[in-house]
N, C-alpha and C. Protein backbone atom coordinates (compact mmCIF):
# COMPACT_ATOMS: atom_id res chain seq x y z
N UNK A 1 21.32 -8.04 -5.92
CA UNK A 1 20.51 -7.80 -6.52
C UNK A 1 18.97 -8.59 -6.84
N UNK A 2 19.52 -10.11 -6.33
CA UNK A 2 18.19 -10.72 -6.40
C UNK A 2 17.34 -10.45 -5.13
N UNK A 3 17.95 -10.00 -3.93
CA UNK A 3 17.53 -9.75 -2.38
C UNK A 3 16.24 -8.27 -3.20
N UNK A 4 16.94 -7.35 -3.84
CA UNK A 4 16.08 -6.30 -3.58
C UNK A 4 14.74 -6.60 -4.55
N UNK A 5 15.39 -6.85 -5.58
CA UNK A 5 13.94 -7.81 -6.86
C UNK A 5 12.90 -8.29 -6.10
N UNK A 6 13.23 -9.55 -4.80
CA UNK A 6 12.66 -9.70 -4.28
C UNK A 6 11.82 -8.63 -2.77
N UNK A 7 12.77 -8.07 -2.35
CA UNK A 7 11.97 -6.80 -1.67
C UNK A 7 11.10 -5.74 -2.27
N UNK A 8 11.32 -5.94 -3.31
CA UNK A 8 10.56 -4.63 -4.15
C UNK A 8 8.82 -5.91 -4.81
N UNK A 9 9.09 -6.73 -5.26
CA UNK A 9 7.88 -7.92 -4.92
C UNK A 9 6.92 -7.55 -3.76
N UNK A 10 7.83 -8.26 -2.61
CA UNK A 10 7.67 -7.98 -1.86
C UNK A 10 6.59 -6.43 -1.06
N UNK A 11 7.61 -5.73 -1.31
CA UNK A 11 6.47 -3.79 -1.04
C UNK A 11 5.43 -3.79 -1.75
N UNK A 12 5.70 -4.04 -3.28
CA UNK A 12 4.44 -3.93 -3.71
C UNK A 12 3.27 -5.14 -3.76
N UNK A 13 3.32 -6.26 -3.43
CA UNK A 13 2.58 -7.43 -2.77
C UNK A 13 1.78 -6.54 -1.51
N UNK A 14 2.12 -6.00 -0.20
CA UNK A 14 1.49 -5.37 0.97
C UNK A 14 1.23 -4.43 0.29
N UNK A 15 1.50 -3.27 -0.62
CA UNK A 15 0.45 -2.26 -1.10
C UNK A 15 -0.50 -2.86 -1.51
N UNK A 16 -0.26 -3.81 -2.39
CA UNK A 16 -1.69 -4.11 -2.99
C UNK A 16 -2.66 -4.43 -1.94
N UNK A 17 -2.32 -5.60 -0.90
CA UNK A 17 -2.72 -6.14 -0.23
C UNK A 17 -3.57 -4.41 1.00
N UNK A 18 -2.81 -3.87 1.05
CA UNK A 18 -3.42 -2.89 1.87
C UNK A 18 -4.71 -2.35 0.88
N UNK A 19 -4.22 -1.71 -0.19
CA UNK A 19 -5.11 -1.09 -1.17
C UNK A 19 -6.22 -1.70 -1.38
N UNK A 20 -5.78 -2.92 -1.51
CA UNK A 20 -7.74 -4.00 -1.61
C UNK A 20 -8.53 -3.86 -0.20
N UNK A 21 -7.85 -4.00 1.53
CA UNK A 21 -8.46 -3.63 2.50
C UNK A 21 -9.60 -2.25 2.51
N UNK A 22 -9.03 -1.41 2.21
CA UNK A 22 -9.27 -0.11 2.32
C UNK A 22 -10.21 0.06 1.49
N UNK A 23 -10.18 -0.48 0.16
CA UNK A 23 -11.21 -0.64 -0.92
C UNK A 23 -12.79 -1.06 -0.17
N UNK A 24 -12.24 -1.84 0.56
CA UNK A 24 -13.53 -2.87 0.57
C UNK A 24 -14.11 -2.47 2.42
N UNK A 25 -13.42 -1.56 2.47
CA UNK A 25 -13.77 -1.10 4.13
C UNK A 25 -14.76 0.41 4.07
N UNK A 26 -14.30 1.03 2.66
CA UNK A 26 -14.85 1.97 2.14
C UNK A 26 -15.79 1.20 1.22
N UNK A 27 -16.28 0.58 0.24
CA UNK A 27 -17.98 -0.46 0.56
C UNK A 27 -18.11 -0.09 1.42
N UNK A 28 -17.60 -0.64 3.00
CA UNK A 28 -18.76 -1.04 3.22
C UNK A 28 -19.50 0.07 4.45
N UNK A 29 -18.61 1.33 4.37
CA UNK A 29 -18.90 2.52 4.78
C UNK A 29 -19.60 3.11 3.95
N UNK A 30 -19.52 2.90 2.31
CA UNK A 30 -20.49 3.55 1.31
C UNK A 30 -21.90 2.77 1.59
N UNK A 31 -21.99 1.51 1.46
CA UNK A 31 -23.34 0.66 1.31
C UNK A 31 -23.64 1.30 2.91
N UNK A 32 -25.11 1.71 2.44
CA UNK A 32 -25.86 1.48 3.83
C UNK A 32 -26.95 0.37 4.07
N UNK A 33 -26.08 -0.45 5.23
CA UNK A 33 -26.55 -1.54 5.51
C UNK A 33 -27.50 -1.65 7.13
N UNK A 34 -27.75 -0.58 7.31
CA UNK A 34 -28.53 -0.09 8.49
C UNK A 34 -27.77 1.51 9.21
N UNK A 35 -28.06 1.49 10.23
CA UNK A 35 -27.32 2.59 11.19
C UNK A 35 -26.07 2.11 12.08
N UNK A 36 -25.18 3.02 11.87
CA UNK A 36 -23.74 3.11 12.38
C UNK A 36 -24.08 4.52 13.14
N UNK A 37 -23.06 4.24 14.16
CA UNK A 37 -22.74 4.80 15.32
C UNK A 37 -21.88 5.86 14.90
N UNK A 38 -21.18 7.10 15.34
CA UNK A 38 -20.71 7.64 15.14
C UNK A 38 -19.16 7.58 15.25
N UNK A 39 -19.00 7.15 16.01
CA UNK A 39 -17.28 5.95 16.45
C UNK A 39 -17.10 4.84 15.79
N UNK A 40 -18.38 4.68 15.25
CA UNK A 40 -17.63 2.88 14.47
C UNK A 40 -17.46 3.43 12.81
N UNK A 41 -18.08 5.20 12.06
CA UNK A 41 -17.66 5.62 10.72
C UNK A 41 -16.19 6.34 11.60
N UNK A 42 -16.03 6.90 12.40
CA UNK A 42 -14.36 7.44 12.53
C UNK A 42 -13.89 6.61 12.57
N UNK A 43 -13.80 5.26 12.96
CA UNK A 43 -13.04 4.14 13.35
C UNK A 43 -12.54 3.79 12.19
N UNK A 44 -13.61 3.86 10.76
CA UNK A 44 -13.35 2.89 9.85
C UNK A 44 -12.65 4.09 8.44
N UNK A 45 -13.26 5.04 9.09
CA UNK A 45 -12.51 6.47 8.35
C UNK A 45 -10.83 6.35 8.41
N UNK A 46 -10.57 6.00 10.15
CA UNK A 46 -9.22 6.33 10.57
C UNK A 46 -8.89 5.14 9.39
N UNK A 47 -8.99 4.45 9.71
CA UNK A 47 -8.40 2.38 9.21
C UNK A 47 -8.62 2.67 7.53
N UNK A 48 -9.27 3.38 7.25
CA UNK A 48 -9.19 3.03 5.55
C UNK A 48 -8.01 4.72 5.24
N UNK A 49 -7.73 5.41 6.00
CA UNK A 49 -6.96 6.33 5.78
C UNK A 49 -4.87 5.80 6.24
N UNK A 50 -5.53 5.08 7.07
CA UNK A 50 -3.82 4.29 7.90
C UNK A 50 -3.92 3.69 6.50
N UNK A 51 -4.60 2.33 6.34
CA UNK A 51 -4.53 1.43 5.20
C UNK A 51 -4.04 2.37 4.06
N UNK A 52 -4.87 3.44 3.30
CA UNK A 52 -4.00 3.71 2.07
C UNK A 52 -2.46 4.82 2.33
N UNK A 53 -2.25 5.40 3.24
CA UNK A 53 -1.26 5.86 3.56
C UNK A 53 0.21 4.64 3.62
N UNK A 54 -0.67 2.98 4.55
CA UNK A 54 0.64 2.52 4.43
C UNK A 54 0.49 1.91 3.02
N UNK A 55 -0.54 2.03 2.23
CA UNK A 55 -0.53 1.32 0.71
C UNK A 55 0.58 2.54 0.07
N UNK A 56 0.31 3.51 0.28
CA UNK A 56 1.15 5.03 -0.87
C UNK A 56 3.11 4.17 -0.30
N UNK A 57 3.51 4.07 1.26
CA UNK A 57 4.45 3.73 1.82
C UNK A 57 5.14 2.98 0.81
N UNK A 58 4.71 1.72 0.33
CA UNK A 58 5.20 0.61 0.19
C UNK A 58 5.20 0.64 -1.32
N UNK A 59 4.42 1.27 -2.02
CA UNK A 59 4.62 1.75 -3.17
C UNK A 59 5.23 2.49 -3.38
N UNK A 60 5.80 3.85 -2.42
CA UNK A 60 7.20 4.95 -2.26
C UNK A 60 8.36 3.72 -2.12
N UNK A 61 8.28 2.94 -1.39
CA UNK A 61 9.66 2.18 -1.23
C UNK A 61 9.82 1.62 -2.50
N UNK A 62 9.39 0.51 -2.53
CA UNK A 62 9.31 -0.57 -4.02
C UNK A 62 9.86 0.05 -5.21
N UNK A 63 9.46 1.80 -5.31
CA UNK A 63 9.69 2.73 -6.63
C UNK A 63 11.23 2.76 -6.23
N UNK A 64 11.38 3.69 -4.92
CA UNK A 64 12.71 3.88 -4.67
C UNK A 64 13.77 2.91 -5.00
N UNK A 65 13.36 2.14 -4.25
CA UNK A 65 14.07 0.12 -3.98
C UNK A 65 14.46 0.01 -5.77
N UNK A 66 13.34 0.25 -6.94
CA UNK A 66 13.81 -0.15 -8.15
C UNK A 66 15.03 0.58 -8.67
N UNK A 67 14.67 2.37 -8.70
CA UNK A 67 15.61 3.24 -9.21
C UNK A 67 16.73 3.20 -8.63
N UNK A 68 16.76 2.78 -6.95
CA UNK A 68 18.26 2.39 -7.03
C UNK A 68 19.21 0.67 -7.33
N UNK A 69 17.89 -0.02 -8.14
CA UNK A 69 18.68 -0.93 -8.63
C UNK A 69 18.85 -0.68 -9.94
N UNK A 70 17.54 0.28 -9.96
CA UNK A 70 18.68 0.82 -12.14
C UNK A 70 19.83 1.42 -12.18
N UNK A 71 19.88 2.15 -10.62
CA UNK A 71 21.48 2.75 -11.08
C UNK A 71 22.73 1.73 -10.65
N UNK A 72 22.25 0.97 -10.07
CA UNK A 72 23.52 -0.17 -9.77
C UNK A 72 23.99 -0.58 -10.92
N UNK A 73 23.09 -1.10 -11.72
CA UNK A 73 22.79 -1.70 -12.93
C UNK A 73 23.54 -1.05 -13.74
N UNK A 74 23.38 0.17 -14.09
CA UNK A 74 24.03 1.21 -15.20
C UNK A 74 25.16 1.44 -14.67
N UNK A 75 25.52 1.39 -12.90
CA UNK A 75 27.44 1.57 -12.93
C UNK A 75 27.56 -0.60 -13.62
N UNK A 76 27.10 -0.87 -12.86
CA UNK A 76 28.01 -1.71 -13.48
C UNK A 76 28.14 -2.14 -14.86
N UNK A 77 26.88 -2.22 -15.33
CA UNK A 77 27.39 -1.88 -17.19
C UNK A 77 28.54 -0.78 -17.40
N UNK A 78 28.57 0.31 -17.13
CA UNK A 78 29.55 1.12 -17.51
C UNK A 78 30.93 0.52 -17.07
């Protein structure tokens, strides 16, 4: 049970870090600071999508583990 709580906390932290990184990259993409090449834009957009996808994955995993843990607690209570 304790192991599952640590996993949930880790997944939430990973998701928050990836969300923060994607936000920083998005701000860097939106704030004009000179001319950017098209390849640079595509790489940044790809990284943003990858980080957002990773963030979604980790939040989703944390939710699934939390639901599984709740089910186990309910079974033990009965």
